[in-house]
């Protein structure tokens, strides 16, 4: 599997999307750029993690069933991320035609699933 032509550009896109969400912050977790909403993780960027040759962003799905359905129905886009519980999915960012609107929607949905009620009640994103 080829590496993303520009993982720095992919990370910049993920960072721009994630940090635009209320009270989100970035800090490393397990040496990976990871994004948090009020101390709860909602996304993690990985490039060539343990030599897997992939560039992905990992986000929460609604539940394990939704995650499984995404992986089953769109196996070229979604996969099961290593070291994460069921209910999380990895979105492939290596394609030159990556749909960044879709990626942004999934990152925002993950934020909604992780954010505390007070942020959602205040209007969310």
C-alpha atoms as a PDB file:
ATOM      1  CA  UNK A   1       0.000   0.000   0.000  1.00  0.00           C
ATOM      2  CA  UNK A   2       1.578   3.320  -1.002  1.00  0.00           C
ATOM      3  CA  UNK A   3       2.152   6.039   1.533  1.00  0.00           C
ATOM      4  CA  UNK A   4       0.226   9.273   1.211  1.00  0.00           C
ATOM      5  CA  UNK A   5       2.033  11.611  -1.166  1.00  0.00           C
ATOM      6  CA  UNK A   6       2.045  14.337   1.486  1.00  0.00           C
ATOM      7  CA  UNK A   7       1.242  13.271   5.043  1.00  0.00           C
ATOM      8  CA  UNK A   8       2.086  16.767   6.305  1.00  0.00           C
ATOM      9  CA  UNK A   9      -0.680  18.219   4.128  1.00  0.00           C
ATOM     10  CA  UNK A  10      -3.113  15.551   5.384  1.00  0.00           C
ATOM     11  CA  UNK A  11      -2.214  16.352   8.991  1.00  0.00           C
ATOM     12  CA  UNK A  12      -2.650  20.072   8.306  1.00  0.00           C
ATOM     13  CA  UNK A  13      -6.153  19.400   6.959  1.00  0.00           C
ATOM     14  CA  UNK A  14      -7.095  17.219   9.942  1.00  0.00           C
ATOM     15  CA  UNK A  15      -5.658  19.804  12.332  1.00  0.00           C
ATOM     16  CA  UNK A  16      -7.611  22.646  10.706  1.00  0.00           C
ATOM     17  CA  UNK A  17     -10.877  20.698  10.899  1.00  0.00           C
ATOM     18  CA  UNK A  18     -10.383  19.422  14.455  1.00  0.00           C
ATOM     19  CA  UNK A  19      -9.130  22.633  16.028  1.00  0.00           C
ATOM     20  CA  UNK A  20     -12.045  24.631  14.591  1.00  0.00           C
ATOM     21  CA  UNK A  21     -14.389  22.695  16.897  1.00  0.00           C
ATOM     22  CA  UNK A  22     -15.271  24.276  20.281  1.00  0.00           C
ATOM     23  CA  UNK A  23     -12.812  23.675  23.116  1.00  0.00           C
ATOM     24  CA  UNK A  24     -10.737  21.278  21.050  1.00  0.00           C
ATOM     25  CA  UNK A  25      -7.035  20.954  21.575  1.00  0.00           C
ATOM     26  CA  UNK A  26      -4.180  18.927  20.160  1.00  0.00           C
ATOM     27  CA  UNK A  27      -1.581  17.058  22.136  1.00  0.00           C
ATOM     28  CA  UNK A  28       0.429  13.930  21.515  1.00  0.00           C
ATOM     29  CA  UNK A  29      -0.890  10.611  22.717  1.00  0.00           C
ATOM     30  CA  UNK A  30       1.275   7.558  22.143  1.00  0.00           C
ATOM     31  CA  UNK A  31       3.463   9.852  19.987  1.00  0.00           C
ATOM     32  CA  UNK A  32       0.562  10.580  17.610  1.00  0.00           C
ATOM     33  CA  UNK A  33      -1.142  13.957  17.010  1.00  0.00           C
ATOM     34  CA  UNK A  34      -4.368  13.537  18.975  1.00  0.00           C
ATOM     35  CA  UNK A  35      -7.348  15.828  19.377  1.00  0.00           C
ATOM     36  CA  UNK A  36      -9.450  16.271  22.505  1.00  0.00           C
ATOM     37  CA  UNK A  37     -12.743  17.973  23.378  1.00  0.00           C
ATOM     38  CA  UNK A  38     -12.744  18.993  27.032  1.00  0.00           C
ATOM     39  CA  UNK A  39     -10.182  16.261  27.825  1.00  0.00           C
ATOM     40  CA  UNK A  40     -11.938  13.495  25.839  1.00  0.00           C
ATOM     41  CA  UNK A  41     -10.244  12.163  22.730  1.00  0.00           C
ATOM     42  CA  UNK A  42     -12.188  12.476  19.494  1.00  0.00           C
ATOM     43  CA  UNK A  43      -9.559  12.014  16.761  1.00  0.00           C
ATOM     44  CA  UNK A  44      -6.033  10.771  16.186  1.00  0.00           C
ATOM     45  CA  UNK A  45      -3.847  11.190  13.105  1.00  0.00           C
ATOM     46  CA  UNK A  46      -1.501   8.374  12.130  1.00  0.00           C
ATOM     47  CA  UNK A  47       1.039   8.104   9.350  1.00  0.00           C
ATOM     48  CA  UNK A  48       2.873   4.817   8.760  1.00  0.00           C
ATOM     49  CA  UNK A  49       2.038   3.657  12.291  1.00  0.00           C
ATOM     50  CA  UNK A  50       4.317   0.723  13.130  1.00  0.00           C
ATOM     51  CA  UNK A  51       5.233   0.562   9.426  1.00  0.00           C
ATOM     52  CA  UNK A  52       1.682  -0.122   8.218  1.00  0.00           C
ATOM     53  CA  UNK A  53       2.141   2.200   5.217  1.00  0.00           C
ATOM     54  CA  UNK A  54      -1.121   4.030   5.869  1.00  0.00           C
ATOM     55  CA  UNK A  55      -2.162   7.628   6.513  1.00  0.00           C
ATOM     56  CA  UNK A  56      -5.415   7.763   8.476  1.00  0.00           C
ATOM     57  CA  UNK A  57      -7.474   9.725  10.948  1.00  0.00           C
ATOM     58  CA  UNK A  58      -9.161   7.669  13.643  1.00  0.00           C
ATOM     59  CA  UNK A  59     -12.587   8.812  14.824  1.00  0.00           C
ATOM     60  CA  UNK A  60     -15.486   7.561  16.927  1.00  0.00           C
ATOM     61  CA  UNK A  61     -18.494   6.042  15.247  1.00  0.00           C
ATOM     62  CA  UNK A  62     -21.859   6.011  16.990  1.00  0.00           C
ATOM     63  CA  UNK A  63     -21.255   2.487  18.254  1.00  0.00           C
ATOM     64  CA  UNK A  64     -19.568  -0.803  17.335  1.00  0.00           C
ATOM     65  CA  UNK A  65     -22.364  -1.709  14.906  1.00  0.00           C
ATOM     66  CA  UNK A  66     -22.003   1.557  12.984  1.00  0.00           C
ATOM     67  CA  UNK A  67     -18.228   1.094  12.859  1.00  0.00           C
ATOM     68  CA  UNK A  68     -18.606  -2.445  11.518  1.00  0.00           C
ATOM     69  CA  UNK A  69     -21.110  -1.274   8.891  1.00  0.00           C
ATOM     70  CA  UNK A  70     -18.797   1.512   7.690  1.00  0.00           C
ATOM     71  CA  UNK A  71     -15.880  -0.912   7.384  1.00  0.00           C
ATOM     72  CA  UNK A  72     -17.993  -3.535   5.627  1.00  0.00           C
ATOM     73  CA  UNK A  73     -19.688  -1.136   3.200  1.00  0.00           C
ATOM     74  CA  UNK A  74     -16.676   1.067   2.380  1.00  0.00           C
ATOM     75  CA  UNK A  75     -13.553  -1.084   2.937  1.00  0.00           C
ATOM     76  CA  UNK A  76     -11.402   1.176   0.728  1.00  0.00           C
ATOM     77  CA  UNK A  77     -12.169   4.150   2.962  1.00  0.00           C
ATOM     78  CA  UNK A  78     -12.667   2.676   6.460  1.00  0.00           C
ATOM     79  CA  UNK A  79     -10.787   0.120   8.540  1.00  0.00           C
ATOM     80  CA  UNK A  80     -10.514  -1.077  12.118  1.00  0.00           C
ATOM     81  CA  UNK A  81      -7.710   0.836  13.848  1.00  0.00           C
ATOM     82  CA  UNK A  82      -5.154  -1.105  15.857  1.00  0.00           C
ATOM     83  CA  UNK A  83      -5.237  -0.589  19.630  1.00  0.00           C
ATOM     84  CA  UNK A  84      -8.718   1.012  19.666  1.00  0.00           C
ATOM     85  CA  UNK A  85     -11.958  -0.400  21.037  1.00  0.00           C
ATOM     86  CA  UNK A  86     -14.821  -1.323  18.755  1.00  0.00           C
ATOM     87  CA  UNK A  87     -16.739   1.805  17.884  1.00  0.00           C
ATOM     88  CA  UNK A  88     -13.733   3.591  16.406  1.00  0.00           C
ATOM     89  CA  UNK A  89     -12.794   3.621  12.708  1.00  0.00           C
ATOM     90  CA  UNK A  90      -9.776   4.690  10.701  1.00  0.00           C
ATOM     91  CA  UNK A  91     -10.468   6.797   7.613  1.00  0.00           C
ATOM     92  CA  UNK A  92      -7.906   6.437   4.825  1.00  0.00           C
ATOM     93  CA  UNK A  93      -6.423   9.807   3.832  1.00  0.00           C
ATOM     94  CA  UNK A  94      -3.895   8.551   1.275  1.00  0.00           C
ATOM     95  CA  UNK A  95      -6.065   8.893  -1.828  1.00  0.00           C
ATOM     96  CA  UNK A  96      -5.452  11.989  -3.900  1.00  0.00           C
ATOM     97  CA  UNK A  97      -9.229  12.365  -4.232  1.00  0.00           C
ATOM     98  CA  UNK A  98      -9.880  12.250  -0.476  1.00  0.00           C
ATOM     99  CA  UNK A  99     -13.310  13.742   0.223  1.00  0.00           C
ATOM    100  CA  UNK A 100     -12.335  16.294   2.865  1.00  0.00           C
ATOM    101  CA  UNK A 101     -15.945  17.381   3.383  1.00  0.00           C
ATOM    102  CA  UNK A 102     -16.789  13.794   4.368  1.00  0.00           C
ATOM    103  CA  UNK A 103     -13.685  13.550   6.563  1.00  0.00           C
ATOM    104  CA  UNK A 104     -14.628  16.841   8.224  1.00  0.00           C
ATOM    105  CA  UNK A 105     -18.150  15.591   8.876  1.00  0.00           C
ATOM    106  CA  UNK A 106     -16.819  12.393  10.482  1.00  0.00           C
ATOM    107  CA  UNK A 107     -14.355  14.347  12.655  1.00  0.00           C
ATOM    108  CA  UNK A 108     -17.157  16.709  13.734  1.00  0.00           C
ATOM    109  CA  UNK A 109     -19.452  13.751  14.484  1.00  0.00           C
ATOM    110  CA  UNK A 110     -16.711  12.187  16.584  1.00  0.00           C
ATOM    111  CA  UNK A 111     -16.345  15.491  18.458  1.00  0.00           C
ATOM    112  CA  UNK A 112     -20.113  15.456  19.106  1.00  0.00           C
ATOM    113  CA  UNK A 113     -19.844  11.924  20.514  1.00  0.00           C
ATOM    114  CA  UNK A 114     -16.976  12.896  22.824  1.00  0.00           C
ATOM    115  CA  UNK A 115     -17.923  16.442  23.860  1.00  0.00           C
ATOM    116  CA  UNK A 116     -19.607  17.029  27.193  1.00  0.00           C
ATOM    117  CA  UNK A 117     -23.287  17.930  27.246  1.00  0.00           C
ATOM    118  CA  UNK A 118     -22.560  21.559  28.179  1.00  0.00           C
ATOM    119  CA  UNK A 119     -20.779  22.071  24.843  1.00  0.00           C
ATOM    120  CA  UNK A 120     -23.565  20.413  22.890  1.00  0.00           C
ATOM    121  CA  UNK A 121     -26.210  22.424  24.735  1.00  0.00           C
ATOM    122  CA  UNK A 122     -24.265  25.628  24.044  1.00  0.00           C
ATOM    123  CA  UNK A 123     -24.693  25.062  20.347  1.00  0.00           C
ATOM    124  CA  UNK A 124     -21.881  22.648  19.498  1.00  0.00           C
ATOM    125  CA  UNK A 125     -20.253  23.274  16.168  1.00  0.00           C
END
